[in-house]
All heavy atoms as atom14 arrays in JSON, in Angstrom:
{
  "sequence": "GSAGTQSLERRIAQGAGELAAVMARVSHAGTTPAGTDTSAS",
  "atom14_mask": [
    [1, 1, 1, 1, 0, 0, 0, 0, 0, 0, 0, 0, 0, 0],
    [1, 1, 1, 1, 1, 1, 0, 0, 0, 0, 0, 0, 0, 0],
    [1, 1, 1, 1, 1, 0, 0, 0, 0, 0, 0, 0, 0, 0],
    [1, 1, 1, 1, 0, 0, 0, 0, 0, 0, 0, 0, 0, 0],
    [1, 1, 1, 1, 1, 1, 1, 0, 0, 0, 0, 0, 0, 0],
    [1, 1, 1, 1, 1, 1, 1, 1, 1, 0, 0, 0, 0, 0],
    [1, 1, 1, 1, 1, 1, 0, 0, 0, 0, 0, 0, 0, 0],
    [1, 1, 1, 1, 1, 1, 1, 1, 0, 0, 0, 0, 0, 0],
    [1, 1, 1, 1, 1, 1, 1, 1, 1, 0, 0, 0, 0, 0],
    [1, 1, 1, 1, 1, 1, 1, 1, 1, 1, 1, 0, 0, 0],
    [1, 1, 1, 1, 1, 1, 1, 1, 1, 1, 1, 0, 0, 0],
    [1, 1, 1, 1, 1, 1, 1, 1, 0, 0, 0, 0, 0, 0],
    [1, 1, 1, 1, 1, 0, 0, 0, 0, 0, 0, 0, 0, 0],
    [1, 1, 1, 1, 1, 1, 1, 1, 1, 0, 0, 0, 0, 0],
    [1, 1, 1, 1, 0, 0, 0, 0, 0, 0, 0, 0, 0, 0],
    [1, 1, 1, 1, 1, 0, 0, 0, 0, 0, 0, 0, 0, 0],
    [1, 1, 1, 1, 0, 0, 0, 0, 0, 0, 0, 0, 0, 0],
    [1, 1, 1, 1, 1, 1, 1, 1, 1, 0, 0, 0, 0, 0],
    [1, 1, 1, 1, 1, 1, 1, 1, 0, 0, 0, 0, 0, 0],
    [1, 1, 1, 1, 1, 0, 0, 0, 0, 0, 0, 0, 0, 0],
    [1, 1, 1, 1, 1, 0, 0, 0, 0, 0, 0, 0, 0, 0],
    [1, 1, 1, 1, 1, 1, 1, 0, 0, 0, 0, 0, 0, 0],
    [1, 1, 1, 1, 1, 1, 1, 1, 0, 0, 0, 0, 0, 0],
    [1, 1, 1, 1, 1, 0, 0, 0, 0, 0, 0, 0, 0, 0],
    [1, 1, 1, 1, 1, 1, 1, 1, 1, 1, 1, 0, 0, 0],
    [1, 1, 1, 1, 1, 1, 1, 0, 0, 0, 0, 0, 0, 0],
    [1, 1, 1, 1, 1, 1, 0, 0, 0, 0, 0, 0, 0, 0],
    [1, 1, 1, 1, 1, 1, 1, 1, 1, 1, 0, 0, 0, 0],
    [1, 1, 1, 1, 1, 0, 0, 0, 0, 0, 0, 0, 0, 0],
    [1, 1, 1, 1, 0, 0, 0, 0, 0, 0, 0, 0, 0, 0],
    [1, 1, 1, 1, 1, 1, 1, 0, 0, 0, 0, 0, 0, 0],
    [1, 1, 1, 1, 1, 1, 1, 0, 0, 0, 0, 0, 0, 0],
    [1, 1, 1, 1, 1, 1, 1, 0, 0, 0, 0, 0, 0, 0],
    [1, 1, 1, 1, 1, 0, 0, 0, 0, 0, 0, 0, 0, 0],
    [1, 1, 1, 1, 0, 0, 0, 0, 0, 0, 0, 0, 0, 0],
    [1, 1, 1, 1, 1, 1, 1, 0, 0, 0, 0, 0, 0, 0],
    [1, 1, 1, 1, 1, 1, 1, 1, 0, 0, 0, 0, 0, 0],
    [1, 1, 1, 1, 1, 1, 1, 0, 0, 0, 0, 0, 0, 0],
    [1, 1, 1, 1, 1, 1, 0, 0, 0, 0, 0, 0, 0, 0],
    [1, 1, 1, 1, 1, 0, 0, 0, 0, 0, 0, 0, 0, 0],
    [1, 1, 1, 1, 1, 1, 0, 0, 0, 0, 0, 0, 0, 0]
  ],
  "atom14_positions": [
    [[11.01, -8.91, 8.2], [12.39, -8.6, 8.38], [12.99, -8.21, 7.08], [12.46, -8.3, 6.04], [0.0, 0.0, 0.0], [0.0, 0.0, 0.0], [0.0, 0.0, 0.0], [0.0, 0.0, 0.0], [0.0, 0.0, 0.0], [0.0, 0.0, 0.0], [0.0, 0.0, 0.0], [0.0, 0.0, 0.0], [0.0, 0.0, 0.0], [0.0, 0.0, 0.0]],
    [[14.2, -7.69, 7.11], [14.87, -7.15, 5.96], [15.09, -8.24, 4.89], [15.09, -7.93, 3.67], [16.18, -6.47, 6.34], [17.08, -7.44, 6.99], [0.0, 0.0, 0.0], [0.0, 0.0, 0.0], [0.0, 0.0, 0.0], [0.0, 0.0, 0.0], [0.0, 0.0, 0.0], [0.0, 0.0, 0.0], [0.0, 0.0, 0.0], [0.0, 0.0, 0.0]],
    [[15.34, -9.48, 5.37], [15.69, -10.5, 4.41], [14.39, -10.94, 3.5], [14.52, -11.36, 2.42], [16.11, -11.76, 5.09], [0.0, 0.0, 0.0], [0.0, 0.0, 0.0], [0.0, 0.0, 0.0], [0.0, 0.0, 0.0], [0.0, 0.0, 0.0], [0.0, 0.0, 0.0], [0.0, 0.0, 0.0], [0.0, 0.0, 0.0], [0.0, 0.0, 0.0]],
    [[13.26, -10.86, 4.21], [12.08, -11.32, 3.45], [11.19, -10.24, 2.79], [10.25, -10.51, 2.06], [0.0, 0.0, 0.0], [0.0, 0.0, 0.0], [0.0, 0.0, 0.0], [0.0, 0.0, 0.0], [0.0, 0.0, 0.0], [0.0, 0.0, 0.0], [0.0, 0.0, 0.0], [0.0, 0.0, 0.0], [0.0, 0.0, 0.0], [0.0, 0.0, 0.0]],
    [[11.56, -8.96, 3.01], [10.73, -7.89, 2.54], [10.57, -7.89, 1.0], [9.46, -7.71, 0.49], [11.3, -6.48, 3.0], [11.38, -6.47, 4.4], [10.5, -5.35, 2.45], [0.0, 0.0, 0.0], [0.0, 0.0, 0.0], [0.0, 0.0, 0.0], [0.0, 0.0, 0.0], [0.0, 0.0, 0.0], [0.0, 0.0, 0.0], [0.0, 0.0, 0.0]],
    [[11.66, -8.05, 0.29], [11.57, -8.0, -1.13], [10.66, -9.17, -1.71], [9.92, -8.92, -2.64], [13.02, -8.16, -1.8], [13.82, -6.89, -1.54], [15.1, -7.01, -2.31], [15.54, -8.09, -2.84], [15.83, -5.87, -2.4], [0.0, 0.0, 0.0], [0.0, 0.0, 0.0], [0.0, 0.0, 0.0], [0.0, 0.0, 0.0], [0.0, 0.0, 0.0]],
    [[10.75, -10.39, -1.17], [9.93, -11.51, -1.53], [8.43, -11.11, -1.25], [7.56, -11.41, -2.13], [10.27, -12.75, -0.79], [9.41, -13.76, -1.08], [0.0, 0.0, 0.0], [0.0, 0.0, 0.0], [0.0, 0.0, 0.0], [0.0, 0.0, 0.0], [0.0, 0.0, 0.0], [0.0, 0.0, 0.0], [0.0, 0.0, 0.0], [0.0, 0.0, 0.0]],
    [[8.18, -10.57, -0.11], [6.76, -10.18, 0.18], [6.25, -9.15, -0.78], [5.13, -9.2, -1.27], [6.66, -9.72, 1.61], [5.24, -9.31, 2.12], [4.25, -10.35, 1.98], [5.36, -8.69, 3.54], [0.0, 0.0, 0.0], [0.0, 0.0, 0.0], [0.0, 0.0, 0.0], [0.0, 0.0, 0.0], [0.0, 0.0, 0.0], [0.0, 0.0, 0.0]],
    [[7.13, -8.18, -1.06], [6.73, -7.16, -1.99], [6.45, -7.64, -3.36], [5.46, -7.15, -4.0], [7.83, -6.0, -2.0], [8.0, -5.22, -0.74], [9.11, -4.26, -0.76], [9.94, -4.28, -1.71], [9.14, -3.33, 0.08], [0.0, 0.0, 0.0], [0.0, 0.0, 0.0], [0.0, 0.0, 0.0], [0.0, 0.0, 0.0], [0.0, 0.0, 0.0]],
    [[7.24, -8.61, -3.87], [7.02, -9.21, -5.11], [5.7, -9.92, -5.16], [4.93, -9.84, -6.18], [8.14, -10.15, -5.47], [9.42, -9.53, -5.91], [10.3, -10.5, -6.57], [10.72, -11.57, -5.66], [11.8, -11.59, -4.92], [12.6, -10.56, -4.85], [12.03, -12.61, -4.15], [0.0, 0.0, 0.0], [0.0, 0.0, 0.0], [0.0, 0.0, 0.0]],
    [[5.35, -10.65, -4.06], [4.07, -11.38, -4.1], [2.91, -10.38, -4.06], [1.87, -10.63, -4.67], [4.03, -12.29, -2.88], [5.11, -13.38, -2.91], [4.87, -14.52, -1.9], [4.69, -14.13, -0.58], [5.67, -13.99, 0.31], [6.95, -14.19, -0.09], [5.4, -13.71, 1.59], [0.0, 0.0, 0.0], [0.0, 0.0, 0.0], [0.0, 0.0, 0.0]],
    [[3.0, -9.35, -3.22], [1.98, -8.33, -3.21], [1.8, -7.68, -4.55], [0.65, -7.47, -5.03], [2.31, -7.27, -2.09], [2.19, -7.88, -0.75], [1.33, -6.03, -2.24], [2.63, -6.98, 0.39], [0.0, 0.0, 0.0], [0.0, 0.0, 0.0], [0.0, 0.0, 0.0], [0.0, 0.0, 0.0], [0.0, 0.0, 0.0], [0.0, 0.0, 0.0]],
    [[2.89, -7.33, -5.21], [2.85, -6.69, -6.55], [2.18, -7.68, -7.56], [1.35, -7.15, -8.41], [4.23, -6.32, -7.01], [0.0, 0.0, 0.0], [0.0, 0.0, 0.0], [0.0, 0.0, 0.0], [0.0, 0.0, 0.0], [0.0, 0.0, 0.0], [0.0, 0.0, 0.0], [0.0, 0.0, 0.0], [0.0, 0.0, 0.0], [0.0, 0.0, 0.0]],
    [[2.44, -8.97, -7.47], [1.87, -9.86, -8.39], [0.33, -9.93, -8.21], [-0.47, -9.81, -9.17], [2.47, -11.27, -8.21], [1.87, -12.41, -9.06], [2.15, -12.25, -10.56], [3.17, -11.54, -10.96], [1.49, -12.91, -11.43], [0.0, 0.0, 0.0], [0.0, 0.0, 0.0], [0.0, 0.0, 0.0], [0.0, 0.0, 0.0], [0.0, 0.0, 0.0]],
    [[-0.04, -10.16, -6.96], [-1.49, -10.24, -6.69], [-2.23, -8.93, -6.99], [-3.31, -8.94, -7.58], [0.0, 0.0, 0.0], [0.0, 0.0, 0.0], [0.0, 0.0, 0.0], [0.0, 0.0, 0.0], [0.0, 0.0, 0.0], [0.0, 0.0, 0.0], [0.0, 0.0, 0.0], [0.0, 0.0, 0.0], [0.0, 0.0, 0.0], [0.0, 0.0, 0.0]],
    [[-1.62, -7.83, -6.59], [-2.22, -6.61, -6.89], [-2.36, -6.29, -8.4], [-3.38, -5.68, -8.85], [-1.47, -5.4, -6.25], [0.0, 0.0, 0.0], [0.0, 0.0, 0.0], [0.0, 0.0, 0.0], [0.0, 0.0, 0.0], [0.0, 0.0, 0.0], [0.0, 0.0, 0.0], [0.0, 0.0, 0.0], [0.0, 0.0, 0.0], [0.0, 0.0, 0.0]],
    [[-1.31, -6.73, -9.18], [-1.44, -6.54, -10.55], [-2.5, -7.34, -11.15], [-3.21, -6.82, -12.17], [0.0, 0.0, 0.0], [0.0, 0.0, 0.0], [0.0, 0.0, 0.0], [0.0, 0.0, 0.0], [0.0, 0.0, 0.0], [0.0, 0.0, 0.0], [0.0, 0.0, 0.0], [0.0, 0.0, 0.0], [0.0, 0.0, 0.0], [0.0, 0.0, 0.0]],
    [[-2.77, -8.5, -10.68], [-3.91, -9.3, -11.2], [-5.25, -8.56, -10.85], [-6.13, -8.58, -11.75], [-3.88, -10.7, -10.56], [-2.64, -11.53, -11.05], [-2.46, -12.76, -10.24], [-3.35, -13.07, -9.44], [-1.43, -13.41, -10.47], [0.0, 0.0, 0.0], [0.0, 0.0, 0.0], [0.0, 0.0, 0.0], [0.0, 0.0, 0.0], [0.0, 0.0, 0.0]],
    [[-5.4, -8.14, -9.71], [-6.7, -7.48, -9.28], [-6.84, -6.2, -10.12], [-7.99, -6.0, -10.65], [-6.68, -7.17, -7.87], [-8.0, -6.53, -7.38], [-9.18, -7.49, -7.45], [-7.85, -6.04, -5.84], [0.0, 0.0, 0.0], [0.0, 0.0, 0.0], [0.0, 0.0, 0.0], [0.0, 0.0, 0.0], [0.0, 0.0, 0.0], [0.0, 0.0, 0.0]],
    [[-5.83, -5.43, -10.26], [-5.87, -4.16, -11.01], [-6.23, -4.48, -12.52], [-6.97, -3.71, -13.13], [-4.58, -3.43, -10.93], [0.0, 0.0, 0.0], [0.0, 0.0, 0.0], [0.0, 0.0, 0.0], [0.0, 0.0, 0.0], [0.0, 0.0, 0.0], [0.0, 0.0, 0.0], [0.0, 0.0, 0.0], [0.0, 0.0, 0.0], [0.0, 0.0, 0.0]],
    [[-5.66, -5.54, -13.07], [-5.92, -5.89, -14.47], [-7.44, -6.19, -14.65], [-8.04, -5.82, -15.63], [-5.09, -6.98, -14.89], [0.0, 0.0, 0.0], [0.0, 0.0, 0.0], [0.0, 0.0, 0.0], [0.0, 0.0, 0.0], [0.0, 0.0, 0.0], [0.0, 0.0, 0.0], [0.0, 0.0, 0.0], [0.0, 0.0, 0.0], [0.0, 0.0, 0.0]],
    [[-7.97, -7.01, -13.73], [-9.38, -7.34, -13.84], [-10.3, -6.18, -13.69], [-11.18, -6.0, -14.42], [-9.78, -8.46, -12.79], [-11.26, -8.71, -12.77], [-9.01, -9.76, -13.09], [0.0, 0.0, 0.0], [0.0, 0.0, 0.0], [0.0, 0.0, 0.0], [0.0, 0.0, 0.0], [0.0, 0.0, 0.0], [0.0, 0.0, 0.0], [0.0, 0.0, 0.0]],
    [[-10.02, -5.32, -12.77], [-10.78, -4.04, -12.53], [-10.69, -3.2, -13.7], [-11.65, -2.56, -14.12], [-10.3, -3.35, -11.28], [-10.57, -4.09, -9.97], [-9.94, -3.22, -8.48], [-11.15, -1.74, -8.56], [0.0, 0.0, 0.0], [0.0, 0.0, 0.0], [0.0, 0.0, 0.0], [0.0, 0.0, 0.0], [0.0, 0.0, 0.0], [0.0, 0.0, 0.0]],
    [[-9.51, -3.03, -14.3], [-9.36, -2.17, -15.48], [-10.07, -2.66, -16.69], [-10.78, -1.97, -17.37], [-7.85, -2.04, -15.87], [0.0, 0.0, 0.0], [0.0, 0.0, 0.0], [0.0, 0.0, 0.0], [0.0, 0.0, 0.0], [0.0, 0.0, 0.0], [0.0, 0.0, 0.0], [0.0, 0.0, 0.0], [0.0, 0.0, 0.0], [0.0, 0.0, 0.0]],
    [[-10.15, -4.04, -16.83], [-10.95, -4.56, -17.96], [-12.39, -4.39, -17.74], [-13.11, -4.1, -18.71], [-10.56, -6.03, -18.13], [-9.18, -6.31, -18.6], [-8.7, -7.73, -18.53], [-9.61, -8.55, -19.28], [-10.08, -9.78, -18.85], [-9.79, -10.18, -17.66], [-10.94, -10.5, -19.57], [0.0, 0.0, 0.0], [0.0, 0.0, 0.0], [0.0, 0.0, 0.0]],
    [[-12.87, -4.55, -16.59], [-14.25, -4.29, -16.25], [-14.58, -2.8, -16.46], [-15.66, -2.39, -17.16], [-14.66, -4.64, -14.75], [-16.04, -4.13, -14.49], [-14.46, -6.13, -14.56], [0.0, 0.0, 0.0], [0.0, 0.0, 0.0], [0.0, 0.0, 0.0], [0.0, 0.0, 0.0], [0.0, 0.0, 0.0], [0.0, 0.0, 0.0], [0.0, 0.0, 0.0]],
    [[-13.71, -1.88, -16.06], [-13.97, -0.44, -16.23], [-13.91, -0.02, -17.71], [-14.78, 0.82, -18.2], [-12.85, 0.3, -15.51], [-12.8, 0.03, -14.15], [0.0, 0.0, 0.0], [0.0, 0.0, 0.0], [0.0, 0.0, 0.0], [0.0, 0.0, 0.0], [0.0, 0.0, 0.0], [0.0, 0.0, 0.0], [0.0, 0.0, 0.0], [0.0, 0.0, 0.0]],
    [[-13.02, -0.55, -18.47], [-12.8, -0.13, -19.8], [-13.65, -0.77, -20.87], [-14.05, -0.24, -21.86], [-11.29, -0.13, -20.22], [-10.42, 0.71, -19.43], [-10.76, 2.06, -19.23], [-9.22, 0.49, -18.79], [-9.81, 2.6, -18.45], [-8.9, 1.67, -18.15], [0.0, 0.0, 0.0], [0.0, 0.0, 0.0], [0.0, 0.0, 0.0], [0.0, 0.0, 0.0]],
    [[-13.83, -2.1, -20.62], [-14.48, -2.93, -21.63], [-15.87, -3.41, -21.31], [-16.71, -3.5, -22.15], [-13.6, -4.23, -21.9], [0.0, 0.0, 0.0], [0.0, 0.0, 0.0], [0.0, 0.0, 0.0], [0.0, 0.0, 0.0], [0.0, 0.0, 0.0], [0.0, 0.0, 0.0], [0.0, 0.0, 0.0], [0.0, 0.0, 0.0], [0.0, 0.0, 0.0]],
    [[-16.05, -3.62, -20.0], [-17.43, -4.08, -19.55], [-17.62, -5.59, -19.71], [-17.98, -6.21, -18.76], [0.0, 0.0, 0.0], [0.0, 0.0, 0.0], [0.0, 0.0, 0.0], [0.0, 0.0, 0.0], [0.0, 0.0, 0.0], [0.0, 0.0, 0.0], [0.0, 0.0, 0.0], [0.0, 0.0, 0.0], [0.0, 0.0, 0.0], [0.0, 0.0, 0.0]],
    [[-17.26, -6.11, -20.96], [-17.43, -7.54, -21.14], [-16.21, -7.99, -21.95], [-15.56, -7.2, -22.64], [-18.75, -7.88, -21.93], [-18.7, -7.19, -23.18], [-19.91, -7.48, -21.15], [0.0, 0.0, 0.0], [0.0, 0.0, 0.0], [0.0, 0.0, 0.0], [0.0, 0.0, 0.0], [0.0, 0.0, 0.0], [0.0, 0.0, 0.0], [0.0, 0.0, 0.0]],
    [[-15.98, -9.24, -21.87], [-14.94, -9.91, -22.75], [-15.49, -10.96, -23.73], [-16.28, -11.75, -23.36], [-13.98, -10.69, -21.81], [-13.32, -9.76, -20.93], [-12.86, -11.38, -22.65], [0.0, 0.0, 0.0], [0.0, 0.0, 0.0], [0.0, 0.0, 0.0], [0.0, 0.0, 0.0], [0.0, 0.0, 0.0], [0.0, 0.0, 0.0], [0.0, 0.0, 0.0]],
    [[-15.3, -10.63, -25.03], [-15.86, -11.52, -26.05], [-15.46, -12.96, -25.79], [-14.4, -13.19, -25.37], [-15.3, -10.93, -27.37], [-14.95, -9.56, -27.05], [-14.5, -9.59, -25.57], [0.0, 0.0, 0.0], [0.0, 0.0, 0.0], [0.0, 0.0, 0.0], [0.0, 0.0, 0.0], [0.0, 0.0, 0.0], [0.0, 0.0, 0.0], [0.0, 0.0, 0.0]],
    [[-16.3, -13.89, -26.23], [-16.0, -15.37, -26.07], [-14.74, -15.54, -26.98], [-14.57, -15.09, -28.04], [-17.15, -16.18, -26.55], [0.0, 0.0, 0.0], [0.0, 0.0, 0.0], [0.0, 0.0, 0.0], [0.0, 0.0, 0.0], [0.0, 0.0, 0.0], [0.0, 0.0, 0.0], [0.0, 0.0, 0.0], [0.0, 0.0, 0.0], [0.0, 0.0, 0.0]],
    [[-13.86, -16.47, -26.43], [-12.62, -16.81, -27.15], [-11.49, -15.94, -26.91], [-10.41, -16.13, -27.4], [0.0, 0.0, 0.0], [0.0, 0.0, 0.0], [0.0, 0.0, 0.0], [0.0, 0.0, 0.0], [0.0, 0.0, 0.0], [0.0, 0.0, 0.0], [0.0, 0.0, 0.0], [0.0, 0.0, 0.0], [0.0, 0.0, 0.0], [0.0, 0.0, 0.0]],
    [[-11.69, -14.84, -26.1], [-10.52, -13.97, -25.88], [-9.5, -14.64, -25.06], [-9.72, -15.35, -24.12], [-11.05, -12.72, -25.09], [-12.06, -12.0, -25.88], [-9.89, -11.71, -24.8], [0.0, 0.0, 0.0], [0.0, 0.0, 0.0], [0.0, 0.0, 0.0], [0.0, 0.0, 0.0], [0.0, 0.0, 0.0], [0.0, 0.0, 0.0], [0.0, 0.0, 0.0]],
    [[-8.2, -14.44, -25.41], [-7.03, -14.87, -24.63], [-6.89, -13.99, -23.44], [-6.27, -12.91, -23.45], [-5.81, -14.89, -25.48], [-4.61, -15.5, -24.83], [-4.68, -15.69, -23.61], [-3.53, -15.71, -25.45], [0.0, 0.0, 0.0], [0.0, 0.0, 0.0], [0.0, 0.0, 0.0], [0.0, 0.0, 0.0], [0.0, 0.0, 0.0], [0.0, 0.0, 0.0]],
    [[-7.45, -14.45, -22.27], [-7.42, -13.51, -21.1], [-6.07, -13.4, -20.51], [-5.79, -12.41, -19.93], [-8.37, -14.16, -20.0], [-7.96, -15.52, -19.75], [-9.79, -14.15, -20.48], [0.0, 0.0, 0.0], [0.0, 0.0, 0.0], [0.0, 0.0, 0.0], [0.0, 0.0, 0.0], [0.0, 0.0, 0.0], [0.0, 0.0, 0.0], [0.0, 0.0, 0.0]],
    [[-5.19, -14.39, -20.68], [-3.78, -14.28, -20.2], [-3.1, -13.17, -20.89], [-2.35, -12.42, -20.31], [-3.1, -15.61, -20.29], [-2.88, -16.0, -21.61], [0.0, 0.0, 0.0], [0.0, 0.0, 0.0], [0.0, 0.0, 0.0], [0.0, 0.0, 0.0], [0.0, 0.0, 0.0], [0.0, 0.0, 0.0], [0.0, 0.0, 0.0], [0.0, 0.0, 0.0]],
    [[-3.36, -13.01, -22.17], [-2.66, -12.02, -22.97], [-3.2, -10.63, -22.6], [-2.44, -9.68, -22.48], [-2.88, -12.27, -24.44], [0.0, 0.0, 0.0], [0.0, 0.0, 0.0], [0.0, 0.0, 0.0], [0.0, 0.0, 0.0], [0.0, 0.0, 0.0], [0.0, 0.0, 0.0], [0.0, 0.0, 0.0], [0.0, 0.0, 0.0], [0.0, 0.0, 0.0]],
    [[-4.52, -10.54, -22.37], [-5.13, -9.27, -22.06], [-4.67, -8.83, -20.68], [-4.49, -7.63, -20.47], [-6.65, -9.34, -22.09], [-7.12, -10.26, -21.25], [0.0, 0.0, 0.0], [0.0, 0.0, 0.0], [0.0, 0.0, 0.0], [0.0, 0.0, 0.0], [0.0, 0.0, 0.0], [0.0, 0.0, 0.0], [0.0, 0.0, 0.0], [0.0, 0.0, 0.0]]
  ]
}
């Protein structure tokens, strides 16, 4: 419904952003060195 659409969209964007970030790191870097701050990356 109209009241919950924005909340759902925010949750979808958050989850999609996490998946896209992991896929991008695999695509561009291949591996992550030990000790890397994954939250920052």
